[in-house]
Amino acid sequence: MSVVSQFYGILIRMFYNDYVPPHFHAVYGEYELIVCISPIAILEGKAPNRVRSMVLEWTALHQQELSENCRQGEPPLPIEPLE
């Protein structure tokens, strides 16, 4: 699983060729979210509300890049963190 971004202690990871539906994993300490890219939604997992909000905000900002990472069928490219 490749780390594509990291911000505020949150790791954003994508598995190579595991994109049905297109999604990524957001890991924060003991918490993990599985987030659908389109439409943006949390598919599974738990995390503090602030973490969930930041992950969803980051997803909205980088939805196109995330989708491209899924479409290319290669290891995902890095994406800018949330500032």
PDB file of N, CA and C in Angstrom:
ATOM      1  N   MET A   1       0.861  -1.165   0.000  1.00  0.00           N
ATOM      2  CA  MET A   1       0.000   0.000   0.000  1.00  0.00           C
ATOM      3  C   MET A   1       0.909   1.230   0.000  1.00  0.00           C
ATOM      4  N   SER A   2       0.695   2.111  -0.951  1.00  0.00           N
ATOM      5  CA  SER A   2       1.506   3.321  -1.090  1.00  0.00           C
ATOM      6  C   SER A   2       0.891   4.487  -0.325  1.00  0.00           C
ATOM      7  N   VAL A   3       1.732   5.252   0.352  1.00  0.00           N
ATOM      8  CA  VAL A   3       1.284   6.485   0.994  1.00  0.00           C
ATOM      9  C   VAL A   3       1.310   7.574  -0.070  1.00  0.00           C
ATOM     10  N   VAL A   4       0.157   8.172  -0.353  1.00  0.00           N
ATOM     11  CA  VAL A   4       0.086   9.216  -1.377  1.00  0.00           C
ATOM     12  C   VAL A   4       0.079  10.621  -0.775  1.00  0.00           C
ATOM     13  N   SER A   5      -0.245  10.725   0.519  1.00  0.00           N
ATOM     14  CA  SER A   5      -0.224  12.026   1.175  1.00  0.00           C
ATOM     15  C   SER A   5      -0.201  11.823   2.686  1.00  0.00           C
ATOM     16  N   GLN A   6       0.186  12.886   3.385  1.00  0.00           N
ATOM     17  CA  GLN A   6       0.203  12.853   4.843  1.00  0.00           C
ATOM     18  C   GLN A   6      -0.002  14.267   5.350  1.00  0.00           C
ATOM     19  N   PHE A   7      -0.919  14.428   6.302  1.00  0.00           N
ATOM     20  CA  PHE A   7      -1.170  15.738   6.894  1.00  0.00           C
ATOM     21  C   PHE A   7      -1.792  15.567   8.268  1.00  0.00           C
ATOM     22  N   TYR A   8      -1.358  16.399   9.214  1.00  0.00           N
ATOM     23  CA  TYR A   8      -1.891  16.414  10.576  1.00  0.00           C
ATOM     24  C   TYR A   8      -1.960  15.017  11.199  1.00  0.00           C
ATOM     25  N   GLY A   9      -0.957  14.192  10.928  1.00  0.00           N
ATOM     26  CA  GLY A   9      -0.915  12.843  11.480  1.00  0.00           C
ATOM     27  C   GLY A   9      -1.777  11.830  10.753  1.00  0.00           C
ATOM     28  N   ILE A  10      -2.392  12.232   9.662  1.00  0.00           N
ATOM     29  CA  ILE A  10      -3.253  11.344   8.870  1.00  0.00           C
ATOM     30  C   ILE A  10      -2.460  10.842   7.668  1.00  0.00           C
ATOM     31  N   LEU A  11      -2.409   9.532   7.490  1.00  0.00           N
ATOM     32  CA  LEU A  11      -1.772   8.931   6.317  1.00  0.00           C
ATOM     33  C   LEU A  11      -2.850   8.580   5.307  1.00  0.00           C
ATOM     34  N   ILE A  12      -2.640   8.967   4.061  1.00  0.00           N
ATOM     35  CA  ILE A  12      -3.552   8.610   2.981  1.00  0.00           C
ATOM     36  C   ILE A  12      -2.855   7.541   2.160  1.00  0.00           C
ATOM     37  N   ARG A  13      -3.460   6.370   2.101  1.00  0.00           N
ATOM     38  CA  ARG A  13      -2.845   5.228   1.424  1.00  0.00           C
ATOM     39  C   ARG A  13      -3.763   4.689   0.338  1.00  0.00           C
ATOM     40  N   MET A  14      -3.124   4.202  -0.717  1.00  0.00           N
ATOM     41  CA  MET A  14      -3.874   3.561  -1.802  1.00  0.00           C
ATOM     42  C   MET A  14      -3.188   2.241  -2.126  1.00  0.00           C
ATOM     43  N   PHE A  15      -3.984   1.201  -2.290  1.00  0.00           N
ATOM     44  CA  PHE A  15      -3.472  -0.090  -2.732  1.00  0.00           C
ATOM     45  C   PHE A  15      -3.339  -0.075  -4.244  1.00  0.00           C
ATOM     46  N   TYR A  16      -2.313  -0.695  -4.738  1.00  0.00           N
ATOM     47  CA  TYR A  16      -2.127  -0.843  -6.178  1.00  0.00           C
ATOM     48  C   TYR A  16      -3.155  -1.845  -6.700  1.00  0.00           C
ATOM     49  N   ASN A  17      -3.944  -1.447  -7.694  1.00  0.00           N
ATOM     50  CA  ASN A  17      -4.966  -2.284  -8.341  1.00  0.00           C
ATOM     51  C   ASN A  17      -6.074  -2.756  -7.402  1.00  0.00           C
ATOM     52  N   ASP A  18      -6.428  -1.987  -6.391  1.00  0.00           N
ATOM     53  CA  ASP A  18      -7.551  -2.318  -5.503  1.00  0.00           C
ATOM     54  C   ASP A  18      -8.478  -1.111  -5.455  1.00  0.00           C
ATOM     55  N   TYR A  19      -9.202  -0.872  -6.542  1.00  0.00           N
ATOM     56  CA  TYR A  19      -9.944   0.372  -6.659  1.00  0.00           C
ATOM     57  C   TYR A  19     -11.415   0.184  -6.994  1.00  0.00           C
ATOM     58  N   VAL A  20     -12.064  -0.914  -6.602  1.00  0.00           N
ATOM     59  CA  VAL A  20     -13.478  -1.098  -6.932  1.00  0.00           C
ATOM     60  C   VAL A  20     -14.269  -1.100  -5.630  1.00  0.00           C
ATOM     61  N   PRO A  21     -15.103  -0.112  -5.370  1.00  0.00           N
ATOM     62  CA  PRO A  21     -15.183   1.161  -6.083  1.00  0.00           C
ATOM     63  C   PRO A  21     -13.912   1.968  -5.816  1.00  0.00           C
ATOM     64  N   PRO A  22     -13.635   2.993  -6.634  1.00  0.00           N
ATOM     65  CA  PRO A  22     -12.433   3.802  -6.414  1.00  0.00           C
ATOM     66  C   PRO A  22     -12.420   4.368  -4.989  1.00  0.00           C
ATOM     67  N   HIS A  23     -11.367   4.061  -4.242  1.00  0.00           N
ATOM     68  CA  HIS A  23     -11.304   4.460  -2.838  1.00  0.00           C
ATOM     69  C   HIS A  23      -9.855   4.570  -2.376  1.00  0.00           C
ATOM     70  N   PHE A  24      -9.701   5.065  -1.156  1.00  0.00           N
ATOM     71  CA  PHE A  24      -8.399   5.094  -0.495  1.00  0.00           C
ATOM     72  C   PHE A  24      -8.620   4.862   0.991  1.00  0.00           C
ATOM     73  N   HIS A  25      -7.522   4.665   1.699  1.00  0.00           N
ATOM     74  CA  HIS A  25      -7.563   4.434   3.137  1.00  0.00           C
ATOM     75  C   HIS A  25      -6.934   5.634   3.835  1.00  0.00           C
ATOM     76  N   ALA A  26      -7.587   6.146   4.854  1.00  0.00           N
ATOM     77  CA  ALA A  26      -7.054   7.229   5.682  1.00  0.00           C
ATOM     78  C   ALA A  26      -6.804   6.645   7.069  1.00  0.00           C
ATOM     79  N   VAL A  27      -5.557   6.706   7.515  1.00  0.00           N
ATOM     80  CA  VAL A  27      -5.174   6.110   8.792  1.00  0.00           C
ATOM     81  C   VAL A  27      -4.711   7.213   9.739  1.00  0.00           C
ATOM     82  N   TYR A  28      -5.284   7.209  10.927  1.00  0.00           N
ATOM     83  CA  TYR A  28      -4.933   8.173  11.962  1.00  0.00           C
ATOM     84  C   TYR A  28      -4.805   7.399  13.267  1.00  0.00           C
ATOM     85  N   GLY A  29      -3.565   7.115  13.676  1.00  0.00           N
ATOM     86  CA  GLY A  29      -3.347   6.317  14.882  1.00  0.00           C
ATOM     87  C   GLY A  29      -4.029   4.970  14.761  1.00  0.00           C
ATOM     88  N   GLU A  30      -4.918   4.677  15.696  1.00  0.00           N
ATOM     89  CA  GLU A  30      -5.627   3.396  15.704  1.00  0.00           C
ATOM     90  C   GLU A  30      -6.863   3.396  14.805  1.00  0.00           C
ATOM     91  N   TYR A  31      -7.188   4.531  14.221  1.00  0.00           N
ATOM     92  CA  TYR A  31      -8.391   4.671  13.398  1.00  0.00           C
ATOM     93  C   TYR A  31      -8.076   4.507  11.917  1.00  0.00           C
ATOM     94  N   GLU A  32      -9.050   3.976  11.186  1.00  0.00           N
ATOM     95  CA  GLU A  32      -8.909   3.869   9.736  1.00  0.00           C
ATOM     96  C   GLU A  32     -10.259   4.104   9.072  1.00  0.00           C
ATOM     97  N   LEU A  33     -10.230   4.893   8.016  1.00  0.00           N
ATOM     98  CA  LEU A  33     -11.415   5.140   7.197  1.00  0.00           C
ATOM     99  C   LEU A  33     -11.146   4.618   5.798  1.00  0.00           C
ATOM    100  N   ILE A  34     -12.155   4.052   5.165  1.00  0.00           N
ATOM    101  CA  ILE A  34     -12.093   3.730   3.745  1.00  0.00           C
ATOM    102  C   ILE A  34     -13.027   4.724   3.072  1.00  0.00           C
ATOM    103  N   VAL A  35     -12.464   5.521   2.159  1.00  0.00           N
ATOM    104  CA  VAL A  35     -13.189   6.649   1.581  1.00  0.00           C
ATOM    105  C   VAL A  35     -13.369   6.452   0.083  1.00  0.00           C
ATOM    106  N   CYS A  36     -14.616   6.493  -0.362  1.00  0.00           N
ATOM    107  CA  CYS A  36     -14.950   6.418  -1.784  1.00  0.00           C
ATOM    108  C   CYS A  36     -14.609   7.766  -2.421  1.00  0.00           C
ATOM    109  N   ILE A  37     -14.033   7.709  -3.629  1.00  0.00           N
ATOM    110  CA  ILE A  37     -13.600   8.929  -4.309  1.00  0.00           C
ATOM    111  C   ILE A  37     -14.745   9.603  -5.057  1.00  0.00           C
ATOM    112  N   SER A  38     -15.605   8.815  -5.679  1.00  0.00           N
ATOM    113  CA  SER A  38     -16.720   9.394  -6.434  1.00  0.00           C
ATOM    114  C   SER A  38     -17.908   8.447  -6.402  1.00  0.00           C
ATOM    115  N   PRO A  39     -18.969   8.840  -5.730  1.00  0.00           N
ATOM    116  CA  PRO A  39     -19.142  10.076  -4.982  1.00  0.00           C
ATOM    117  C   PRO A  39     -18.333  10.024  -3.685  1.00  0.00           C
ATOM    118  N   ILE A  40     -17.959  11.178  -3.184  1.00  0.00           N
ATOM    119  CA  ILE A  40     -17.173  11.236  -1.951  1.00  0.00           C
ATOM    120  C   ILE A  40     -18.039  10.765  -0.794  1.00  0.00           C
ATOM    121  N   ALA A  41     -17.570   9.705  -0.134  1.00  0.00           N
ATOM    122  CA  ALA A  41     -18.317   9.148   1.000  1.00  0.00           C
ATOM    123  C   ALA A  41     -17.401   8.245   1.809  1.00  0.00           C
ATOM    124  N   ILE A  42     -17.647   8.172   3.094  1.00  0.00           N
ATOM    125  CA  ILE A  42     -16.924   7.224   3.934  1.00  0.00           C
ATOM    126  C   ILE A  42     -17.646   5.892   3.832  1.00  0.00           C
ATOM    127  N   LEU A  43     -16.935   4.884   3.333  1.00  0.00           N
ATOM    128  CA  LEU A  43     -17.521   3.558   3.145  1.00  0.00           C
ATOM    129  C   LEU A  43     -17.481   2.734   4.422  1.00  0.00           C
ATOM    130  N   GLU A  44     -16.370   2.848   5.151  1.00  0.00           N
ATOM    131  CA  GLU A  44     -16.179   2.057   6.366  1.00  0.00           C
ATOM    132  C   GLU A  44     -15.264   2.801   7.319  1.00  0.00           C
ATOM    133  N   GLY A  45     -15.337   2.406   8.579  1.00  0.00           N
ATOM    134  CA  GLY A  45     -14.372   2.866   9.553  1.00  0.00           C
ATOM    135  C   GLY A  45     -14.867   3.960  10.471  1.00  0.00           C
ATOM    136  N   LYS A  46     -14.021   4.223  11.465  1.00  0.00           N
ATOM    137  CA  LYS A  46     -14.314   5.246  12.466  1.00  0.00           C
ATOM    138  C   LYS A  46     -13.075   6.105  12.670  1.00  0.00           C
ATOM    139  N   ALA A  47     -13.320   7.360  12.990  1.00  0.00           N
ATOM    140  CA  ALA A  47     -12.259   8.309  13.328  1.00  0.00           C
ATOM    141  C   ALA A  47     -12.921   9.502  14.005  1.00  0.00           C
ATOM    142  N   PRO A  48     -12.141  10.278  14.757  1.00  0.00           N
ATOM    143  CA  PRO A  48     -12.714  11.483  15.362  1.00  0.00           C
ATOM    144  C   PRO A  48     -13.315  12.398  14.290  1.00  0.00           C
ATOM    145  N   ASN A  49     -14.348  13.139  14.669  1.00  0.00           N
ATOM    146  CA  ASN A  49     -15.045  14.015  13.711  1.00  0.00           C
ATOM    147  C   ASN A  49     -14.111  14.979  12.994  1.00  0.00           C
ATOM    148  N   ARG A  50     -13.149  15.548  13.709  1.00  0.00           N
ATOM    149  CA  ARG A  50     -12.205  16.485  13.078  1.00  0.00           C
ATOM    150  C   ARG A  50     -11.404  15.787  11.980  1.00  0.00           C
ATOM    151  N   VAL A  51     -10.972  14.567  12.229  1.00  0.00           N
ATOM    152  CA  VAL A  51     -10.213  13.797  11.232  1.00  0.00           C
ATOM    153  C   VAL A  51     -11.105  13.495  10.035  1.00  0.00           C
ATOM    154  N   ARG A  52     -12.320  13.059  10.287  1.00  0.00           N
ATOM    155  CA  ARG A  52     -13.259  12.778   9.194  1.00  0.00           C
ATOM    156  C   ARG A  52     -13.466  14.023   8.332  1.00  0.00           C
ATOM    157  N   SER A  53     -13.649  15.160   8.971  1.00  0.00           N
ATOM    158  CA  SER A  53     -13.864  16.412   8.236  1.00  0.00           C
ATOM    159  C   SER A  53     -12.658  16.778   7.382  1.00  0.00           C
ATOM    160  N   MET A  54     -11.456  16.655   7.940  1.00  0.00           N
ATOM    161  CA  MET A  54     -10.248  16.989   7.180  1.00  0.00           C
ATOM    162  C   MET A  54     -10.060  16.051   5.996  1.00  0.00           C
ATOM    163  N   VAL A  55     -10.324  14.762   6.202  1.00  0.00           N
ATOM    164  CA  VAL A  55     -10.178  13.786   5.116  1.00  0.00           C
ATOM    165  C   VAL A  55     -11.176  14.083   4.001  1.00  0.00           C
ATOM    166  N   LEU A  56     -12.407  14.384   4.350  1.00  0.00           N
ATOM    167  CA  LEU A  56     -13.411  14.695   3.322  1.00  0.00           C
ATOM    168  C   LEU A  56     -13.087  15.998   2.592  1.00  0.00           C
ATOM    169  N   GLU A  57     -12.581  16.990   3.320  1.00  0.00           N
ATOM    170  CA  GLU A  57     -12.175  18.252   2.683  1.00  0.00           C
ATOM    171  C   GLU A  57     -11.025  18.001   1.702  1.00  0.00           C
ATOM    172  N   TRP A  58     -10.019  17.245   2.132  1.00  0.00           N
ATOM    173  CA  TRP A  58      -8.877  16.920   1.276  1.00  0.00           C
ATOM    174  C   TRP A  58      -9.337  16.148   0.039  1.00  0.00           C
ATOM    175  N   THR A  59     -10.255  15.215   0.226  1.00  0.00           N
ATOM    176  CA  THR A  59     -10.780  14.427  -0.895  1.00  0.00           C
ATOM    177  C   THR A  59     -11.439  15.333  -1.926  1.00  0.00           C
ATOM    178  N   ALA A  60     -12.240  16.283  -1.470  1.00  0.00           N
ATOM    179  CA  ALA A  60     -12.910  17.205  -2.394  1.00  0.00           C
ATOM    180  C   ALA A  60     -11.895  18.046  -3.168  1.00  0.00           C
ATOM    181  N   LEU A  61     -10.834  18.464  -2.498  1.00  0.00           N
ATOM    182  CA  LEU A  61      -9.806  19.278  -3.154  1.00  0.00           C
ATOM    183  C   LEU A  61      -9.003  18.490  -4.189  1.00  0.00           C
ATOM    184  N   HIS A  62      -8.865  17.190  -3.977  1.00  0.00           N
ATOM    185  CA  HIS A  62      -7.980  16.371  -4.813  1.00  0.00           C
ATOM    186  C   HIS A  62      -8.709  15.215  -5.496  1.00  0.00           C
ATOM    187  N   GLN A  63     -10.006  15.346  -5.662  1.00  0.00           N
ATOM    188  CA  GLN A  63     -10.812  14.264  -6.234  1.00  0.00           C
ATOM    189  C   GLN A  63     -10.310  13.851  -7.619  1.00  0.00           C
ATOM    190  N   GLN A  64      -9.967  14.802  -8.455  1.00  0.00           N
ATOM    191  CA  GLN A  64      -9.502  14.479  -9.804  1.00  0.00           C
ATOM    192  C   GLN A  64      -8.178  13.712  -9.763  1.00  0.00           C
ATOM    193  N   GLU A  65      -7.240  14.151  -8.934  1.00  0.00           N
ATOM    194  CA  GLU A  65      -5.955  13.461  -8.820  1.00  0.00           C
ATOM    195  C   GLU A  65      -6.136  12.044  -8.278  1.00  0.00           C
ATOM    196  N   LEU A  66      -7.022  11.896  -7.304  1.00  0.00           N
ATOM    197  CA  LEU A  66      -7.301  10.573  -6.751  1.00  0.00           C
ATOM    198  C   LEU A  66      -7.889   9.658  -7.821  1.00  0.00           C
ATOM    199  N   SER A  67      -8.822  10.181  -8.594  1.00  0.00           N
ATOM    200  CA  SER A  67      -9.433   9.397  -9.676  1.00  0.00           C
ATOM    201  C   SER A  67      -8.390   8.989 -10.709  1.00  0.00           C
ATOM    202  N   GLU A  68      -7.490   9.907 -11.048  1.00  0.00           N
ATOM    203  CA  GLU A  68      -6.429   9.589 -12.009  1.00  0.00           C
ATOM    204  C   GLU A  68      -5.512   8.502 -11.471  1.00  0.00           C
ATOM    205  N   ASN A  69      -5.199   8.551 -10.182  1.00  0.00           N
ATOM    206  CA  ASN A  69      -4.382   7.498  -9.577  1.00  0.00           C
ATOM    207  C   ASN A  69      -5.048   6.135  -9.740  1.00  0.00           C
ATOM    208  N   CYS A  70      -6.353   6.087  -9.598  1.00  0.00           N
ATOM    209  CA  CYS A  70      -7.082   4.825  -9.755  1.00  0.00           C
ATOM    210  C   CYS A  70      -7.096   4.366 -11.210  1.00  0.00           C
ATOM    211  N   ARG A  71      -7.306   5.288 -12.131  1.00  0.00           N
ATOM    212  CA  ARG A  71      -7.424   4.946 -13.551  1.00  0.00           C
ATOM    213  C   ARG A  71      -6.125   4.468 -14.174  1.00  0.00           C
ATOM    214  N   GLN A  72      -4.997   4.975 -13.723  1.00  0.00           N
ATOM    215  CA  GLN A  72      -3.751   4.667 -14.411  1.00  0.00           C
ATOM    216  C   GLN A  72      -3.286   3.230 -14.221  1.00  0.00           C
ATOM    217  N   GLY A  73      -3.802   2.504 -13.246  1.00  0.00           N
ATOM    218  CA  GLY A  73      -3.455   1.099 -13.078  1.00  0.00           C
ATOM    219  C   GLY A  73      -2.001   0.861 -12.733  1.00  0.00           C
ATOM    220  N   GLU A  74      -1.358   1.837 -12.144  1.00  0.00           N
ATOM    221  CA  GLU A  74       0.037   1.754 -11.716  1.00  0.00           C
ATOM    222  C   GLU A  74       0.106   2.222 -10.271  1.00  0.00           C
ATOM    223  N   PRO A  75       1.258   2.054  -9.635  1.00  0.00           N
ATOM    224  CA  PRO A  75       1.358   2.591  -8.274  1.00  0.00           C
ATOM    225  C   PRO A  75       0.963   4.066  -8.259  1.00  0.00           C
ATOM    226  N   PRO A  76       0.189   4.484  -7.259  1.00  0.00           N
ATOM    227  CA  PRO A  76      -0.333   5.855  -7.220  1.00  0.00           C
ATOM    228  C   PRO A  76       0.757   6.908  -7.041  1.00  0.00           C
ATOM    229  N   LEU A  77       0.499   8.081  -7.605  1.00  0.00           N
ATOM    230  CA  LEU A  77       1.413   9.220  -7.499  1.00  0.00           C
ATOM    231  C   LEU A  77       1.125  10.010  -6.227  1.00  0.00           C
ATOM    232  N   PRO A  78       2.130  10.693  -5.676  1.00  0.00           N
ATOM    233  CA  PRO A  78       1.913  11.525  -4.487  1.00  0.00           C
ATOM    234  C   PRO A  78       0.947  12.680  -4.779  1.00  0.00           C
ATOM    235  N   ILE A  79       0.218  13.092  -3.740  1.00  0.00           N
ATOM    236  CA  ILE A  79      -0.737  14.200  -3.836  1.00  0.00           C
ATOM    237  C   ILE A  79      -0.443  15.166  -2.692  1.00  0.00           C
ATOM    238  N   GLU A  80      -0.553  16.455  -2.977  1.00  0.00           N
ATOM    239  CA  GLU A  80      -0.283  17.496  -1.977  1.00  0.00           C
ATOM    240  C   GLU A  80      -1.137  17.292  -0.720  1.00  0.00           C
ATOM    241  N   PRO A  81      -0.570  17.587   0.452  1.00  0.00           N
ATOM    242  CA  PRO A  81      -1.336  17.461   1.697  1.00  0.00           C
ATOM    243  C   PRO A  81      -2.312  18.620   1.890  1.00  0.00           C
ATOM    244  N   LEU A  82      -3.161  18.471   2.882  1.00  0.00           N
ATOM    245  CA  LEU A  82      -4.054  19.553   3.301  1.00  0.00           C
ATOM    246  C   LEU A  82      -3.215  20.555   4.087  1.00  0.00           C
ATOM    247  N   GLU A  83      -3.388  21.831   3.807  1.00  0.00           N
ATOM    248  CA  GLU A  83      -2.610  22.861   4.521  1.00  0.00           C
ATOM    249  C   GLU A  83      -3.464  23.588   5.521  1.00  0.00           C
TER     250      GLU A  83
END
